[in-house]
């Protein structure tokens, strides 16, 4: 968890077991009017299983395409969800920036799905912080 508001949680959960633990942690981390997911995953992971575990805890989805041959597209992720509130982005950084721009200070943003996803968001945050 990062300091500040909205609450930002970074978790490299990329399999159903880790996603289940993340969902349990979200359930006990206090109320938030909205919980934004910033998710990018690799094609060879159990995408449906991961999204299924977290779906009950997420109110707004920001799905990101990951680069390379192994990277799943935002469209591929969206096809595994039956949620109305889905937005698709070209990268995890774009998805996170949009979630941060939409979230209120009382909301949560949870970034998960791959080391690549979390790493890109961390780099974006570091770059943004260094520009201050």
C-alpha atoms as a PDB file:
ATOM      1  CA  UNK A   1       0.000   0.000   0.000  1.00  0.00           C
ATOM      2  CA  UNK A   2       1.234   3.427  -0.880  1.00  0.00           C
ATOM      3  CA  UNK A   3       0.794   6.408   1.423  1.00  0.00           C
ATOM      4  CA  UNK A   4      -1.780   9.030   0.534  1.00  0.00           C
ATOM      5  CA  UNK A   5      -5.244   9.223  -0.971  1.00  0.00           C
ATOM      6  CA  UNK A   6      -6.787   7.561  -2.815  1.00  0.00           C
ATOM      7  CA  UNK A   7      -5.521   4.326  -1.331  1.00  0.00           C
ATOM      8  CA  UNK A   8      -3.250   2.592  -3.866  1.00  0.00           C
ATOM      9  CA  UNK A   9      -2.453  -1.094  -3.526  1.00  0.00           C
ATOM     10  CA  UNK A  10       0.218  -2.741  -5.684  1.00  0.00           C
ATOM     11  CA  UNK A  11       0.132  -6.540  -5.858  1.00  0.00           C
ATOM     12  CA  UNK A  12       1.743  -8.811  -8.448  1.00  0.00           C
ATOM     13  CA  UNK A  13      -1.086 -11.366  -8.059  1.00  0.00           C
ATOM     14  CA  UNK A  14      -1.182 -13.293 -11.342  1.00  0.00           C
ATOM     15  CA  UNK A  15      -2.735 -16.639 -10.413  1.00  0.00           C
ATOM     16  CA  UNK A  16      -6.085 -17.517  -8.803  1.00  0.00           C
ATOM     17  CA  UNK A  17      -4.550 -18.357  -5.416  1.00  0.00           C
ATOM     18  CA  UNK A  18      -2.786 -14.999  -5.110  1.00  0.00           C
ATOM     19  CA  UNK A  19      -5.884 -13.218  -6.445  1.00  0.00           C
ATOM     20  CA  UNK A  20      -7.993 -14.932  -3.780  1.00  0.00           C
ATOM     21  CA  UNK A  21      -5.644 -13.651  -1.064  1.00  0.00           C
ATOM     22  CA  UNK A  22      -5.713 -10.165  -2.580  1.00  0.00           C
ATOM     23  CA  UNK A  23      -9.536 -10.251  -2.627  1.00  0.00           C
ATOM     24  CA  UNK A  24      -9.578 -11.246   1.053  1.00  0.00           C
ATOM     25  CA  UNK A  25      -7.199  -8.392   1.881  1.00  0.00           C
ATOM     26  CA  UNK A  26      -9.392  -5.936  -0.012  1.00  0.00           C
ATOM     27  CA  UNK A  27     -12.421  -7.179   1.920  1.00  0.00           C
ATOM     28  CA  UNK A  28     -10.742  -6.346   5.221  1.00  0.00           C
ATOM     29  CA  UNK A  29      -9.041  -3.095   4.211  1.00  0.00           C
ATOM     30  CA  UNK A  30     -11.989  -0.817   4.933  1.00  0.00           C
ATOM     31  CA  UNK A  31     -14.854   0.608   2.925  1.00  0.00           C
ATOM     32  CA  UNK A  32     -14.315   2.555  -0.281  1.00  0.00           C
ATOM     33  CA  UNK A  33     -17.124   3.936  -2.459  1.00  0.00           C
ATOM     34  CA  UNK A  34     -15.305   2.669  -5.561  1.00  0.00           C
ATOM     35  CA  UNK A  35     -12.518   0.170  -6.056  1.00  0.00           C
ATOM     36  CA  UNK A  36     -10.665   0.586  -9.328  1.00  0.00           C
ATOM     37  CA  UNK A  37      -8.745  -2.324 -10.813  1.00  0.00           C
ATOM     38  CA  UNK A  38      -5.732  -1.616 -12.990  1.00  0.00           C
ATOM     39  CA  UNK A  39      -5.025  -5.002 -14.507  1.00  0.00           C
ATOM     40  CA  UNK A  40      -2.637  -6.239 -17.167  1.00  0.00           C
ATOM     41  CA  UNK A  41      -1.795  -9.923 -17.584  1.00  0.00           C
ATOM     42  CA  UNK A  42       0.187 -12.364 -19.668  1.00  0.00           C
ATOM     43  CA  UNK A  43      -1.682 -14.699 -22.023  1.00  0.00           C
ATOM     44  CA  UNK A  44      -0.249 -17.854 -20.451  1.00  0.00           C
ATOM     45  CA  UNK A  45      -1.776 -17.116 -17.035  1.00  0.00           C
ATOM     46  CA  UNK A  46      -5.221 -18.189 -15.809  1.00  0.00           C
ATOM     47  CA  UNK A  47      -6.823 -14.865 -16.714  1.00  0.00           C
ATOM     48  CA  UNK A  48     -10.392 -16.016 -16.117  1.00  0.00           C
ATOM     49  CA  UNK A  49      -9.476 -17.518 -12.740  1.00  0.00           C
ATOM     50  CA  UNK A  50      -7.719 -14.360 -11.539  1.00  0.00           C
ATOM     51  CA  UNK A  51     -10.504 -12.034 -12.675  1.00  0.00           C
ATOM     52  CA  UNK A  52     -13.158 -14.322 -11.185  1.00  0.00           C
ATOM     53  CA  UNK A  53     -11.504 -14.139  -7.761  1.00  0.00           C
ATOM     54  CA  UNK A  54     -11.356 -10.341  -7.765  1.00  0.00           C
ATOM     55  CA  UNK A  55     -14.583  -9.448  -9.594  1.00  0.00           C
ATOM     56  CA  UNK A  56     -16.722  -9.249  -6.430  1.00  0.00           C
ATOM     57  CA  UNK A  57     -14.355  -6.629  -4.946  1.00  0.00           C
ATOM     58  CA  UNK A  58     -13.974  -4.380  -8.030  1.00  0.00           C
ATOM     59  CA  UNK A  59     -16.451  -1.698  -9.107  1.00  0.00           C
ATOM     60  CA  UNK A  60     -14.487  -0.177 -12.007  1.00  0.00           C
ATOM     61  CA  UNK A  61     -12.106  -1.994 -14.338  1.00  0.00           C
ATOM     62  CA  UNK A  62      -9.172  -0.329 -16.118  1.00  0.00           C
ATOM     63  CA  UNK A  63      -7.708  -3.067 -18.302  1.00  0.00           C
ATOM     64  CA  UNK A  64      -4.288  -2.674 -19.884  1.00  0.00           C
ATOM     65  CA  UNK A  65      -2.559  -4.296 -22.817  1.00  0.00           C
ATOM     66  CA  UNK A  66       0.858  -5.725 -21.977  1.00  0.00           C
ATOM     67  CA  UNK A  67       3.618  -5.602 -24.608  1.00  0.00           C
ATOM     68  CA  UNK A  68       5.264  -8.521 -26.353  1.00  0.00           C
ATOM     69  CA  UNK A  69       4.097 -11.848 -27.670  1.00  0.00           C
ATOM     70  CA  UNK A  70       3.104 -13.073 -24.189  1.00  0.00           C
ATOM     71  CA  UNK A  71       1.160  -9.939 -23.287  1.00  0.00           C
ATOM     72  CA  UNK A  72      -2.629 -10.165 -23.275  1.00  0.00           C
ATOM     73  CA  UNK A  73      -4.544  -7.296 -24.814  1.00  0.00           C
ATOM     74  CA  UNK A  74      -7.113  -5.272 -22.903  1.00  0.00           C
ATOM     75  CA  UNK A  75      -9.711  -6.767 -25.273  1.00  0.00           C
ATOM     76  CA  UNK A  76      -8.669 -10.298 -24.273  1.00  0.00           C
ATOM     77  CA  UNK A  77      -9.036  -9.404 -20.604  1.00  0.00           C
ATOM     78  CA  UNK A  78     -12.403  -7.699 -21.164  1.00  0.00           C
ATOM     79  CA  UNK A  79     -13.715 -10.821 -22.908  1.00  0.00           C
ATOM     80  CA  UNK A  80     -13.306 -12.680 -19.591  1.00  0.00           C
ATOM     81  CA  UNK A  81     -15.417 -10.162 -17.645  1.00  0.00           C
ATOM     82  CA  UNK A  82     -19.144  -9.556 -17.625  1.00  0.00           C
ATOM     83  CA  UNK A  83     -18.989  -6.090 -16.110  1.00  0.00           C
ATOM     84  CA  UNK A  84     -20.438  -2.877 -17.477  1.00  0.00           C
ATOM     85  CA  UNK A  85     -17.749  -0.597 -16.079  1.00  0.00           C
ATOM     86  CA  UNK A  86     -14.758  -1.592 -18.207  1.00  0.00           C
ATOM     87  CA  UNK A  87     -12.292   0.779 -19.810  1.00  0.00           C
ATOM     88  CA  UNK A  88      -9.419  -0.414 -21.982  1.00  0.00           C
ATOM     89  CA  UNK A  89      -5.964   1.128 -22.249  1.00  0.00           C
ATOM     90  CA  UNK A  90      -2.806   0.648 -24.303  1.00  0.00           C
ATOM     91  CA  UNK A  91      -0.596   0.295 -21.219  1.00  0.00           C
ATOM     92  CA  UNK A  92      -0.696  -0.121 -17.440  1.00  0.00           C
ATOM     93  CA  UNK A  93       0.611   3.438 -17.000  1.00  0.00           C
ATOM     94  CA  UNK A  94      -2.257   4.827 -19.089  1.00  0.00           C
ATOM     95  CA  UNK A  95      -4.778   2.719 -17.150  1.00  0.00           C
ATOM     96  CA  UNK A  96      -3.371   3.851 -13.811  1.00  0.00           C
ATOM     97  CA  UNK A  97      -3.274   7.524 -14.792  1.00  0.00           C
ATOM     98  CA  UNK A  98      -6.939   7.311 -15.830  1.00  0.00           C
ATOM     99  CA  UNK A  99      -7.927   5.542 -12.610  1.00  0.00           C
ATOM    100  CA  UNK A 100      -6.034   8.102 -10.541  1.00  0.00           C
ATOM    101  CA  UNK A 101      -7.749  10.900 -12.436  1.00  0.00           C
ATOM    102  CA  UNK A 102     -11.203   9.406 -11.827  1.00  0.00           C
ATOM    103  CA  UNK A 103     -10.856   8.196  -8.254  1.00  0.00           C
ATOM    104  CA  UNK A 104     -11.946  10.279  -5.282  1.00  0.00           C
ATOM    105  CA  UNK A 105      -9.756  10.485  -2.199  1.00  0.00           C
ATOM    106  CA  UNK A 106     -11.955   7.865  -0.491  1.00  0.00           C
ATOM    107  CA  UNK A 107     -11.624   5.268  -3.257  1.00  0.00           C
ATOM    108  CA  UNK A 108      -9.126   2.435  -3.732  1.00  0.00           C
ATOM    109  CA  UNK A 109      -6.991   1.639  -6.740  1.00  0.00           C
ATOM    110  CA  UNK A 110      -5.584  -1.871  -6.880  1.00  0.00           C
ATOM    111  CA  UNK A 111      -2.894  -2.639  -9.460  1.00  0.00           C
ATOM    112  CA  UNK A 112      -2.382  -6.346 -10.177  1.00  0.00           C
ATOM    113  CA  UNK A 113      -1.984  -9.110 -12.761  1.00  0.00           C
ATOM    114  CA  UNK A 114       1.722  -9.182 -13.510  1.00  0.00           C
ATOM    115  CA  UNK A 115       5.136  -8.031 -12.389  1.00  0.00           C
ATOM    116  CA  UNK A 116       5.133  -6.067 -15.671  1.00  0.00           C
ATOM    117  CA  UNK A 117       1.941  -4.241 -14.713  1.00  0.00           C
ATOM    118  CA  UNK A 118       3.109  -3.282 -11.231  1.00  0.00           C
ATOM    119  CA  UNK A 119       6.593  -2.410 -12.484  1.00  0.00           C
ATOM    120  CA  UNK A 120       5.267  -0.038 -15.129  1.00  0.00           C
ATOM    121  CA  UNK A 121       2.972   1.703 -12.646  1.00  0.00           C
ATOM    122  CA  UNK A 122       5.823   2.031 -10.152  1.00  0.00           C
ATOM    123  CA  UNK A 123       8.012   3.579 -12.870  1.00  0.00           C
ATOM    124  CA  UNK A 124       5.185   5.986 -13.774  1.00  0.00           C
ATOM    125  CA  UNK A 125       4.795   6.997 -10.120  1.00  0.00           C
ATOM    126  CA  UNK A 126       8.556   7.490  -9.716  1.00  0.00           C
ATOM    127  CA  UNK A 127       8.687   9.641 -12.844  1.00  0.00           C
ATOM    128  CA  UNK A 128       5.695  11.708 -11.712  1.00  0.00           C
ATOM    129  CA  UNK A 129       7.204  12.196  -8.248  1.00  0.00           C
ATOM    130  CA  UNK A 130      10.606  13.201  -9.643  1.00  0.00           C
ATOM    131  CA  UNK A 131       8.983  15.962 -11.741  1.00  0.00           C
ATOM    132  CA  UNK A 132       7.673  17.774  -8.637  1.00  0.00           C
END
